[in-house]
Amino acid sequence: MAAAAFALPATERQIAYARSLALKNQNLLPWEVQQDRRSLSAWIEAQAKLKPAETSHPTSKQVAFAERLARIKRRAVPDECFRDRQLLSRWIDSNR
């Protein structure tokens, strides 16, 4: 109980970084972890080692390239291509 009374609160920078990791890894940041600097530091270390969740959305560079191709070819990029990385890749390959 004496150790809990002297626990240091987490810093604002720690909490901000932990929230960004939680978003990147699509994970919840527990409230109990945010209350103690040491426990938040351990949570951050564990989350930093995780590989971020793989998304199927295209990258911003891929979208920009497809839009540039569409302007050159005077075509529209289908809406479903903006939701799937592989579809957009196929559209780019077929419109080069």
PDB file of N, CA and C in Angstrom:
ATOM      1  N   MET A   1       0.819  -1.177   0.000  1.00  0.00           N
ATOM      2  CA  MET A   1       0.000   0.000   0.000  1.00  0.00           C
ATOM      3  C   MET A   1       0.865   1.244   0.000  1.00  0.00           C
ATOM      4  N   ALA A   2       2.014   1.193   0.616  1.00  0.00           N
ATOM      5  CA  ALA A   2       2.906   2.344   0.650  1.00  0.00           C
ATOM      6  C   ALA A   2       3.441   2.644  -0.738  1.00  0.00           C
ATOM      7  N   ALA A   3       3.666   1.605  -1.557  1.00  0.00           N
ATOM      8  CA  ALA A   3       4.166   1.808  -2.913  1.00  0.00           C
ATOM      9  C   ALA A   3       3.104   2.486  -3.769  1.00  0.00           C
ATOM     10  N   ALA A   4       1.839   2.147  -3.561  1.00  0.00           N
ATOM     11  CA  ALA A   4       0.761   2.743  -4.353  1.00  0.00           C
ATOM     12  C   ALA A   4       0.588   4.215  -4.016  1.00  0.00           C
ATOM     13  N   ALA A   5       0.870   4.604  -2.778  1.00  0.00           N
ATOM     14  CA  ALA A   5       0.714   5.996  -2.370  1.00  0.00           C
ATOM     15  C   ALA A   5       1.765   6.886  -3.025  1.00  0.00           C
ATOM     16  N   PHE A   6       2.911   6.320  -3.386  1.00  0.00           N
ATOM     17  CA  PHE A   6       3.985   7.114  -3.965  1.00  0.00           C
ATOM     18  C   PHE A   6       4.126   6.906  -5.477  1.00  0.00           C
ATOM     19  N   ALA A   7       3.134   6.322  -6.114  1.00  0.00           N
ATOM     20  CA  ALA A   7       3.187   6.101  -7.557  1.00  0.00           C
ATOM     21  C   ALA A   7       3.109   7.442  -8.272  1.00  0.00           C
ATOM     22  N   LEU A   8       3.982   7.624  -9.253  1.00  0.00           N
ATOM     23  CA  LEU A   8       3.992   8.868 -10.016  1.00  0.00           C
ATOM     24  C   LEU A   8       2.940   8.810 -11.115  1.00  0.00           C
ATOM     25  N   PRO A   9       2.245   9.908 -11.340  1.00  0.00           N
ATOM     26  CA  PRO A   9       1.252   9.902 -12.423  1.00  0.00           C
ATOM     27  C   PRO A   9       1.949   9.910 -13.783  1.00  0.00           C
ATOM     28  N   ALA A  10       1.254   9.410 -14.771  1.00  0.00           N
ATOM     29  CA  ALA A  10       1.802   9.375 -16.132  1.00  0.00           C
ATOM     30  C   ALA A  10       1.889  10.798 -16.676  1.00  0.00           C
ATOM     31  N   THR A  11       2.887  11.037 -17.523  1.00  0.00           N
ATOM     32  CA  THR A  11       3.046  12.360 -18.123  1.00  0.00           C
ATOM     33  C   THR A  11       2.104  12.515 -19.318  1.00  0.00           C
ATOM     34  N   GLU A  12       1.877  13.752 -19.714  1.00  0.00           N
ATOM     35  CA  GLU A  12       1.012  14.026 -20.864  1.00  0.00           C
ATOM     36  C   GLU A  12       1.593  13.420 -22.142  1.00  0.00           C
ATOM     37  N   ARG A  13       2.915  13.496 -22.285  1.00  0.00           N
ATOM     38  CA  ARG A  13       3.570  12.929 -23.467  1.00  0.00           C
ATOM     39  C   ARG A  13       3.411  11.420 -23.509  1.00  0.00           C
ATOM     40  N   GLN A  14       3.523  10.771 -22.353  1.00  0.00           N
ATOM     41  CA  GLN A  14       3.333   9.322 -22.288  1.00  0.00           C
ATOM     42  C   GLN A  14       1.924   8.951 -22.711  1.00  0.00           C
ATOM     43  N   ILE A  15       0.953   9.661 -22.207  1.00  0.00           N
ATOM     44  CA  ILE A  15      -0.443   9.363 -22.521  1.00  0.00           C
ATOM     45  C   ILE A  15      -0.718   9.610 -24.001  1.00  0.00           C
ATOM     46  N   ALA A  16      -0.184  10.689 -24.551  1.00  0.00           N
ATOM     47  CA  ALA A  16      -0.387  10.983 -25.973  1.00  0.00           C
ATOM     48  C   ALA A  16       0.230   9.890 -26.841  1.00  0.00           C
ATOM     49  N   TYR A  17       1.438   9.455 -26.502  1.00  0.00           N
ATOM     50  CA  TYR A  17       2.094   8.398 -27.272  1.00  0.00           C
ATOM     51  C   TYR A  17       1.344   7.080 -27.127  1.00  0.00           C
ATOM     52  N   ALA A  18       0.876   6.777 -25.922  1.00  0.00           N
ATOM     53  CA  ALA A  18       0.126   5.548 -25.698  1.00  0.00           C
ATOM     54  C   ALA A  18      -1.172   5.556 -26.505  1.00  0.00           C
ATOM     55  N   ARG A  19      -1.838   6.703 -26.585  1.00  0.00           N
ATOM     56  CA  ARG A  19      -3.069   6.791 -27.382  1.00  0.00           C
ATOM     57  C   ARG A  19      -2.788   6.587 -28.864  1.00  0.00           C
ATOM     58  N   SER A  20      -1.679   7.136 -29.341  1.00  0.00           N
ATOM     59  CA  SER A  20      -1.349   6.944 -30.755  1.00  0.00           C
ATOM     60  C   SER A  20      -1.026   5.477 -31.042  1.00  0.00           C
ATOM     61  N   LEU A  21      -0.343   4.808 -30.120  1.00  0.00           N
ATOM     62  CA  LEU A  21      -0.068   3.375 -30.288  1.00  0.00           C
ATOM     63  C   LEU A  21      -1.355   2.560 -30.253  1.00  0.00           C
ATOM     64  N   ALA A  22      -2.260   2.938 -29.371  1.00  0.00           N
ATOM     65  CA  ALA A  22      -3.532   2.222 -29.272  1.00  0.00           C
ATOM     66  C   ALA A  22      -4.314   2.351 -30.573  1.00  0.00           C
ATOM     67  N   LEU A  23      -4.308   3.537 -31.178  1.00  0.00           N
ATOM     68  CA  LEU A  23      -4.986   3.718 -32.458  1.00  0.00           C
ATOM     69  C   LEU A  23      -4.314   2.921 -33.559  1.00  0.00           C
ATOM     70  N   LYS A  24      -2.993   2.970 -33.597  1.00  0.00           N
ATOM     71  CA  LYS A  24      -2.247   2.267 -34.636  1.00  0.00           C
ATOM     72  C   LYS A  24      -2.458   0.760 -34.550  1.00  0.00           C
ATOM     73  N   ASN A  25      -2.470   0.227 -33.337  1.00  0.00           N
ATOM     74  CA  ASN A  25      -2.618  -1.216 -33.138  1.00  0.00           C
ATOM     75  C   ASN A  25      -4.072  -1.639 -32.983  1.00  0.00           C
ATOM     76  N   GLN A  26      -4.989  -0.692 -33.070  1.00  0.00           N
ATOM     77  CA  GLN A  26      -6.416  -0.944 -32.875  1.00  0.00           C
ATOM     78  C   GLN A  26      -6.649  -1.695 -31.572  1.00  0.00           C
ATOM     79  N   ASN A  27      -6.153  -1.092 -30.499  1.00  0.00           N
ATOM     80  CA  ASN A  27      -6.212  -1.690 -29.183  1.00  0.00           C
ATOM     81  C   ASN A  27      -6.759  -0.657 -28.204  1.00  0.00           C
ATOM     82  N   LEU A  28      -7.319  -1.113 -27.094  1.00  0.00           N
ATOM     83  CA  LEU A  28      -7.823  -0.214 -26.067  1.00  0.00           C
ATOM     84  C   LEU A  28      -6.720   0.136 -25.081  1.00  0.00           C
ATOM     85  N   LEU A  29      -6.722   1.382 -24.640  1.00  0.00           N
ATOM     86  CA  LEU A  29      -5.790   1.832 -23.619  1.00  0.00           C
ATOM     87  C   LEU A  29      -6.532   1.800 -22.288  1.00  0.00           C
ATOM     88  N   PRO A  30      -6.224   0.828 -21.423  1.00  0.00           N
ATOM     89  CA  PRO A  30      -6.960   0.699 -20.159  1.00  0.00           C
ATOM     90  C   PRO A  30      -6.768   1.916 -19.251  1.00  0.00           C
ATOM     91  N   TRP A  31      -7.834   2.270 -18.546  1.00  0.00           N
ATOM     92  CA  TRP A  31      -7.808   3.416 -17.649  1.00  0.00           C
ATOM     93  C   TRP A  31      -6.815   3.191 -16.498  1.00  0.00           C
ATOM     94  N   GLU A  32      -6.761   1.973 -15.984  1.00  0.00           N
ATOM     95  CA  GLU A  32      -5.875   1.670 -14.848  1.00  0.00           C
ATOM     96  C   GLU A  32      -4.415   1.892 -15.224  1.00  0.00           C
ATOM     97  N   VAL A  33      -4.077   1.586 -16.466  1.00  0.00           N
ATOM     98  CA  VAL A  33      -2.696   1.723 -16.928  1.00  0.00           C
ATOM     99  C   VAL A  33      -2.311   3.202 -16.997  1.00  0.00           C
ATOM    100  N   GLN A  34      -3.250   4.069 -17.309  1.00  0.00           N
ATOM    101  CA  GLN A  34      -2.972   5.493 -17.465  1.00  0.00           C
ATOM    102  C   GLN A  34      -2.700   6.190 -16.138  1.00  0.00           C
ATOM    103  N   GLN A  35      -2.999   5.545 -15.036  1.00  0.00           N
ATOM    104  CA  GLN A  35      -2.873   6.185 -13.735  1.00  0.00           C
ATOM    105  C   GLN A  35      -1.461   6.131 -13.155  1.00  0.00           C
ATOM    106  N   ASP A  36      -0.631   5.221 -13.642  1.00  0.00           N
ATOM    107  CA  ASP A  36       0.702   5.025 -13.076  1.00  0.00           C
ATOM    108  C   ASP A  36       1.747   5.098 -14.179  1.00  0.00           C
ATOM    109  N   ARG A  37       2.805   5.838 -13.935  1.00  0.00           N
ATOM    110  CA  ARG A  37       3.851   6.037 -14.936  1.00  0.00           C
ATOM    111  C   ARG A  37       4.543   4.735 -15.317  1.00  0.00           C
ATOM    112  N   ARG A  38       4.823   3.892 -14.330  1.00  0.00           N
ATOM    113  CA  ARG A  38       5.527   2.633 -14.608  1.00  0.00           C
ATOM    114  C   ARG A  38       4.652   1.662 -15.399  1.00  0.00           C
ATOM    115  N   SER A  39       3.404   1.527 -15.008  1.00  0.00           N
ATOM    116  CA  SER A  39       2.537   0.591 -15.723  1.00  0.00           C
ATOM    117  C   SER A  39       2.260   1.080 -17.144  1.00  0.00           C
ATOM    118  N   LEU A  40       2.144   2.396 -17.335  1.00  0.00           N
ATOM    119  CA  LEU A  40       1.951   2.922 -18.681  1.00  0.00           C
ATOM    120  C   LEU A  40       3.207   2.708 -19.519  1.00  0.00           C
ATOM    121  N   SER A  41       4.360   2.847 -18.921  1.00  0.00           N
ATOM    122  CA  SER A  41       5.613   2.619 -19.635  1.00  0.00           C
ATOM    123  C   SER A  41       5.720   1.161 -20.085  1.00  0.00           C
ATOM    124  N   ALA A  42       5.333   0.236 -19.227  1.00  0.00           N
ATOM    125  CA  ALA A  42       5.354  -1.184 -19.591  1.00  0.00           C
ATOM    126  C   ALA A  42       4.352  -1.470 -20.704  1.00  0.00           C
ATOM    127  N   TRP A  43       3.173  -0.846 -20.639  1.00  0.00           N
ATOM    128  CA  TRP A  43       2.158  -1.039 -21.681  1.00  0.00           C
ATOM    129  C   TRP A  43       2.662  -0.500 -23.019  1.00  0.00           C
ATOM    130  N   ILE A  44       3.317   0.657 -22.981  1.00  0.00           N
ATOM    131  CA  ILE A  44       3.864   1.260 -24.204  1.00  0.00           C
ATOM    132  C   ILE A  44       4.915   0.345 -24.819  1.00  0.00           C
ATOM    133  N   GLU A  45       5.797  -0.195 -24.007  1.00  0.00           N
ATOM    134  CA  GLU A  45       6.829  -1.097 -24.523  1.00  0.00           C
ATOM    135  C   GLU A  45       6.210  -2.319 -25.197  1.00  0.00           C
ATOM    136  N   ALA A  46       5.190  -2.882 -24.585  1.00  0.00           N
ATOM    137  CA  ALA A  46       4.533  -4.060 -25.157  1.00  0.00           C
ATOM    138  C   ALA A  46       3.831  -3.702 -26.469  1.00  0.00           C
ATOM    139  N   GLN A  47       3.182  -2.553 -26.517  1.00  0.00           N
ATOM    140  CA  GLN A  47       2.464  -2.154 -27.730  1.00  0.00           C
ATOM    141  C   GLN A  47       3.411  -1.750 -28.855  1.00  0.00           C
ATOM    142  N   ALA A  48       4.542  -1.178 -28.510  1.00  0.00           N
ATOM    143  CA  ALA A  48       5.505  -0.752 -29.532  1.00  0.00           C
ATOM    144  C   ALA A  48       6.105  -1.949 -30.256  1.00  0.00           C
ATOM    145  N   LYS A  49       6.171  -3.091 -29.589  1.00  0.00           N
ATOM    146  CA  LYS A  49       6.730  -4.300 -30.204  1.00  0.00           C
ATOM    147  C   LYS A  49       5.742  -4.976 -31.145  1.00  0.00           C
ATOM    148  N   LEU A  50       4.446  -4.680 -30.980  1.00  0.00           N
ATOM    149  CA  LEU A  50       3.430  -5.308 -31.814  1.00  0.00           C
ATOM    150  C   LEU A  50       3.468  -4.748 -33.223  1.00  0.00           C
ATOM    151  N   LYS A  51       3.135  -5.598 -34.162  1.00  0.00           N
ATOM    152  CA  LYS A  51       3.023  -5.170 -35.543  1.00  0.00           C
ATOM    153  C   LYS A  51       1.640  -4.527 -35.706  1.00  0.00           C
ATOM    154  N   PRO A  52       1.549  -3.371 -36.340  1.00  0.00           N
ATOM    155  CA  PRO A  52       0.241  -2.738 -36.479  1.00  0.00           C
ATOM    156  C   PRO A  52      -0.717  -3.592 -37.308  1.00  0.00           C
ATOM    157  N   ALA A  53      -1.984  -3.408 -37.040  1.00  0.00           N
ATOM    158  CA  ALA A  53      -3.003  -4.173 -37.761  1.00  0.00           C
ATOM    159  C   ALA A  53      -2.947  -3.835 -39.242  1.00  0.00           C
ATOM    160  N   GLU A  54      -2.985  -4.856 -40.056  1.00  0.00           N
ATOM    161  CA  GLU A  54      -2.910  -4.680 -41.504  1.00  0.00           C
ATOM    162  C   GLU A  54      -4.256  -4.195 -42.021  1.00  0.00           C
ATOM    163  N   THR A  55      -4.233  -3.128 -42.761  1.00  0.00           N
ATOM    164  CA  THR A  55      -5.457  -2.618 -43.345  1.00  0.00           C
ATOM    165  C   THR A  55      -5.472  -2.931 -44.825  1.00  0.00           C
ATOM    166  N   SER A  56      -6.661  -3.034 -45.358  1.00  0.00           N
ATOM    167  CA  SER A  56      -6.776  -3.314 -46.779  1.00  0.00           C
ATOM    168  C   SER A  56      -6.980  -2.040 -47.583  1.00  0.00           C
ATOM    169  N   HIS A  57      -6.962  -0.896 -46.895  1.00  0.00           N
ATOM    170  CA  HIS A  57      -7.141   0.374 -47.594  1.00  0.00           C
ATOM    171  C   HIS A  57      -5.870   0.740 -48.346  1.00  0.00           C
ATOM    172  N   PRO A  58      -6.030   1.396 -49.502  1.00  0.00           N
ATOM    173  CA  PRO A  58      -4.837   1.803 -50.255  1.00  0.00           C
ATOM    174  C   PRO A  58      -4.090   2.929 -49.548  1.00  0.00           C
ATOM    175  N   THR A  59      -2.807   3.031 -49.853  1.00  0.00           N
ATOM    176  CA  THR A  59      -1.996   4.089 -49.267  1.00  0.00           C
ATOM    177  C   THR A  59      -2.308   5.411 -49.951  1.00  0.00           C
ATOM    178  N   SER A  60      -1.915   6.493 -49.319  1.00  0.00           N
ATOM    179  CA  SER A  60      -2.171   7.816 -49.895  1.00  0.00           C
ATOM    180  C   SER A  60      -1.393   8.005 -51.192  1.00  0.00           C
ATOM    181  N   LYS A  61      -0.189   7.444 -51.271  1.00  0.00           N
ATOM    182  CA  LYS A  61       0.592   7.540 -52.511  1.00  0.00           C
ATOM    183  C   LYS A  61      -0.078   6.775 -53.646  1.00  0.00           C
ATOM    184  N   GLN A  62      -0.652   5.630 -53.307  1.00  0.00           N
ATOM    185  CA  GLN A  62      -1.330   4.815 -54.310  1.00  0.00           C
ATOM    186  C   GLN A  62      -2.567   5.557 -54.843  1.00  0.00           C
ATOM    187  N   VAL A  63      -3.312   6.188 -53.949  1.00  0.00           N
ATOM    188  CA  VAL A  63      -4.497   6.940 -54.355  1.00  0.00           C
ATOM    189  C   VAL A  63      -4.105   8.127 -55.221  1.00  0.00           C
ATOM    190  N   ALA A  64      -3.058   8.839 -54.823  1.00  0.00           N
ATOM    191  CA  ALA A  64      -2.609  10.001 -55.596  1.00  0.00           C
ATOM    192  C   ALA A  64      -2.171   9.585 -57.003  1.00  0.00           C
ATOM    193  N   PHE A  65      -1.469   8.469 -57.098  1.00  0.00           N
ATOM    194  CA  PHE A  65      -1.015   7.994 -58.406  1.00  0.00           C
ATOM    195  C   PHE A  65      -2.206   7.595 -59.277  1.00  0.00           C
ATOM    196  N   ALA A  66      -3.190   6.925 -58.679  1.00  0.00           N
ATOM    197  CA  ALA A  66      -4.377   6.523 -59.433  1.00  0.00           C
ATOM    198  C   ALA A  66      -5.155   7.740 -59.917  1.00  0.00           C
ATOM    199  N   GLU A  67      -5.262   8.761 -59.086  1.00  0.00           N
ATOM    200  CA  GLU A  67      -5.966   9.974 -59.491  1.00  0.00           C
ATOM    201  C   GLU A  67      -5.222  10.705 -60.610  1.00  0.00           C
ATOM    202  N   ARG A  68      -3.916  10.690 -60.537  1.00  0.00           N
ATOM    203  CA  ARG A  68      -3.120  11.308 -61.603  1.00  0.00           C
ATOM    204  C   ARG A  68      -3.323  10.554 -62.926  1.00  0.00           C
ATOM    205  N   LEU A  69      -3.300   9.213 -62.859  1.00  0.00           N
ATOM    206  CA  LEU A  69      -3.566   8.410 -64.051  1.00  0.00           C
ATOM    207  C   LEU A  69      -4.967   8.675 -64.606  1.00  0.00           C
ATOM    208  N   ALA A  70      -5.940   8.803 -63.721  1.00  0.00           N
ATOM    209  CA  ALA A  70      -7.315   9.038 -64.145  1.00  0.00           C
ATOM    210  C   ALA A  70      -7.438  10.379 -64.874  1.00  0.00           C
ATOM    211  N   ARG A  71      -6.745  11.392 -64.387  1.00  0.00           N
ATOM    212  CA  ARG A  71      -6.760  12.694 -65.068  1.00  0.00           C
ATOM    213  C   ARG A  71      -6.129  12.599 -66.439  1.00  0.00           C
ATOM    214  N   ILE A  72      -5.011  11.893 -66.540  1.00  0.00           N
ATOM    215  CA  ILE A  72      -4.314  11.754 -67.820  1.00  0.00           C
ATOM    216  C   ILE A  72      -5.186  10.981 -68.808  1.00  0.00           C
ATOM    217  N   LYS A  73      -5.804   9.898 -68.352  1.00  0.00           N
ATOM    218  CA  LYS A  73      -6.617   9.039 -69.222  1.00  0.00           C
ATOM    219  C   LYS A  73      -8.048   9.555 -69.389  1.00  0.00           C
ATOM    220  N   ARG A  74      -8.381  10.600 -68.622  1.00  0.00           N
ATOM    221  CA  ARG A  74      -9.744  11.167 -68.633  1.00  0.00           C
ATOM    222  C   ARG A  74     -10.787  10.103 -68.290  1.00  0.00           C
ATOM    223  N   ARG A  75     -10.508   9.397 -67.215  1.00  0.00           N
ATOM    224  CA  ARG A  75     -11.402   8.375 -66.692  1.00  0.00           C
ATOM    225  C   ARG A  75     -11.593   8.612 -65.203  1.00  0.00           C
ATOM    226  N   ALA A  76     -12.599   7.982 -64.660  1.00  0.00           N
ATOM    227  CA  ALA A  76     -12.836   8.060 -63.220  1.00  0.00           C
ATOM    228  C   ALA A  76     -12.368   6.759 -62.572  1.00  0.00           C
ATOM    229  N   VAL A  77     -11.817   6.898 -61.401  1.00  0.00           N
ATOM    230  CA  VAL A  77     -11.437   5.715 -60.627  1.00  0.00           C
ATOM    231  C   VAL A  77     -12.708   5.209 -59.943  1.00  0.00           C
ATOM    232  N   PRO A  78     -13.065   3.940 -60.108  1.00  0.00           N
ATOM    233  CA  PRO A  78     -14.272   3.421 -59.446  1.00  0.00           C
ATOM    234  C   PRO A  78     -14.186   3.549 -57.924  1.00  0.00           C
ATOM    235  N   ASP A  79     -15.320   3.843 -57.312  1.00  0.00           N
ATOM    236  CA  ASP A  79     -15.357   4.055 -55.859  1.00  0.00           C
ATOM    237  C   ASP A  79     -14.883   2.847 -55.062  1.00  0.00           C
ATOM    238  N   GLU A  80     -15.195   1.651 -55.534  1.00  0.00           N
ATOM    239  CA  GLU A  80     -14.790   0.457 -54.779  1.00  0.00           C
ATOM    240  C   GLU A  80     -13.274   0.293 -54.740  1.00  0.00           C
ATOM    241  N   CYS A  81     -12.575   0.904 -55.680  1.00  0.00           N
ATOM    242  CA  CYS A  81     -11.108   0.826 -55.688  1.00  0.00           C
ATOM    243  C   CYS A  81     -10.495   1.593 -54.518  1.00  0.00           C
ATOM    244  N   PHE A  82     -11.207   2.614 -54.033  1.00  0.00           N
ATOM    245  CA  PHE A  82     -10.688   3.392 -52.904  1.00  0.00           C
ATOM    246  C   PHE A  82     -10.856   2.657 -51.576  1.00  0.00           C
ATOM    247  N   ARG A  83     -11.557   1.538 -51.592  1.00  0.00           N
ATOM    248  CA  ARG A  83     -11.768   0.771 -50.364  1.00  0.00           C
ATOM    249  C   ARG A  83     -10.876  -0.449 -50.244  1.00  0.00           C
ATOM    250  N   ASP A  84     -10.197  -0.819 -51.338  1.00  0.00           N
ATOM    251  CA  ASP A  84      -9.383  -2.033 -51.317  1.00  0.00           C
ATOM    252  C   ASP A  84      -8.064  -1.798 -52.039  1.00  0.00           C
ATOM    253  N   ARG A  85      -6.989  -2.124 -51.390  1.00  0.00           N
ATOM    254  CA  ARG A  85      -5.649  -1.910 -51.929  1.00  0.00           C
ATOM    255  C   ARG A  85      -5.400  -2.715 -53.194  1.00  0.00           C
ATOM    256  N   GLN A  86      -5.816  -3.958 -53.205  1.00  0.00           N
ATOM    257  CA  GLN A  86      -5.572  -4.815 -54.367  1.00  0.00           C
ATOM    258  C   GLN A  86      -6.393  -4.383 -55.578  1.00  0.00           C
ATOM    259  N   LEU A  87      -7.634  -3.968 -55.349  1.00  0.00           N
ATOM    260  CA  LEU A  87      -8.456  -3.490 -56.461  1.00  0.00           C
ATOM    261  C   LEU A  87      -7.835  -2.251 -57.100  1.00  0.00           C
ATOM    262  N   LEU A  88      -7.369  -1.334 -56.271  1.00  0.00           N
ATOM    263  CA  LEU A  88      -6.752  -0.123 -56.806  1.00  0.00           C
ATOM    264  C   LEU A  88      -5.465  -0.462 -57.539  1.00  0.00           C
ATOM    265  N   SER A  89      -4.717  -1.410 -57.033  1.00  0.00           N
ATOM    266  CA  SER A  89      -3.493  -1.830 -57.697  1.00  0.00           C
ATOM    267  C   SER A  89      -3.800  -2.416 -59.080  1.00  0.00           C
ATOM    268  N   ARG A  90      -4.841  -3.229 -59.158  1.00  0.00           N
ATOM    269  CA  ARG A  90      -5.232  -3.805 -60.448  1.00  0.00           C
ATOM    270  C   ARG A  90      -5.697  -2.707 -61.413  1.00  0.00           C
ATOM    271  N   TRP A  91      -6.446  -1.727 -60.895  1.00  0.00           N
ATOM    272  CA  TRP A  91      -6.926  -0.643 -61.733  1.00  0.00           C
ATOM    273  C   TRP A  91      -5.735   0.157 -62.281  1.00  0.00           C
ATOM    274  N   ILE A  92      -4.754   0.423 -61.434  1.00  0.00           N
ATOM    275  CA  ILE A  92      -3.570   1.148 -61.862  1.00  0.00           C
ATOM    276  C   ILE A  92      -2.840   0.360 -62.947  1.00  0.00           C
ATOM    277  N   ASP A  93      -2.648  -0.936 -62.731  1.00  0.00           N
ATOM    278  CA  ASP A  93      -1.946  -1.766 -63.706  1.00  0.00           C
ATOM    279  C   ASP A  93      -2.668  -1.799 -65.059  1.00  0.00           C
ATOM    280  N   SER A  94      -3.991  -1.818 -65.034  1.00  0.00           N
ATOM    281  CA  SER A  94      -4.733  -1.885 -66.290  1.00  0.00           C
ATOM    282  C   SER A  94      -4.863  -0.532 -66.987  1.00  0.00           C
ATOM    283  N   ASN A  95      -4.544   0.544 -66.304  1.00  0.00           N
ATOM    284  CA  ASN A  95      -4.672   1.878 -66.892  1.00  0.00           C
ATOM    285  C   ASN A  95      -3.352   2.606 -67.091  1.00  0.00           C
ATOM    286  N   ARG A  96      -2.268   1.913 -67.026  1.00  0.00           N
ATOM    287  CA  ARG A  96      -0.965   2.555 -67.245  1.00  0.00           C
ATOM    288  C   ARG A  96      -0.746   2.866 -68.680  1.00  0.00           C
TER     289      ARG A  96
END
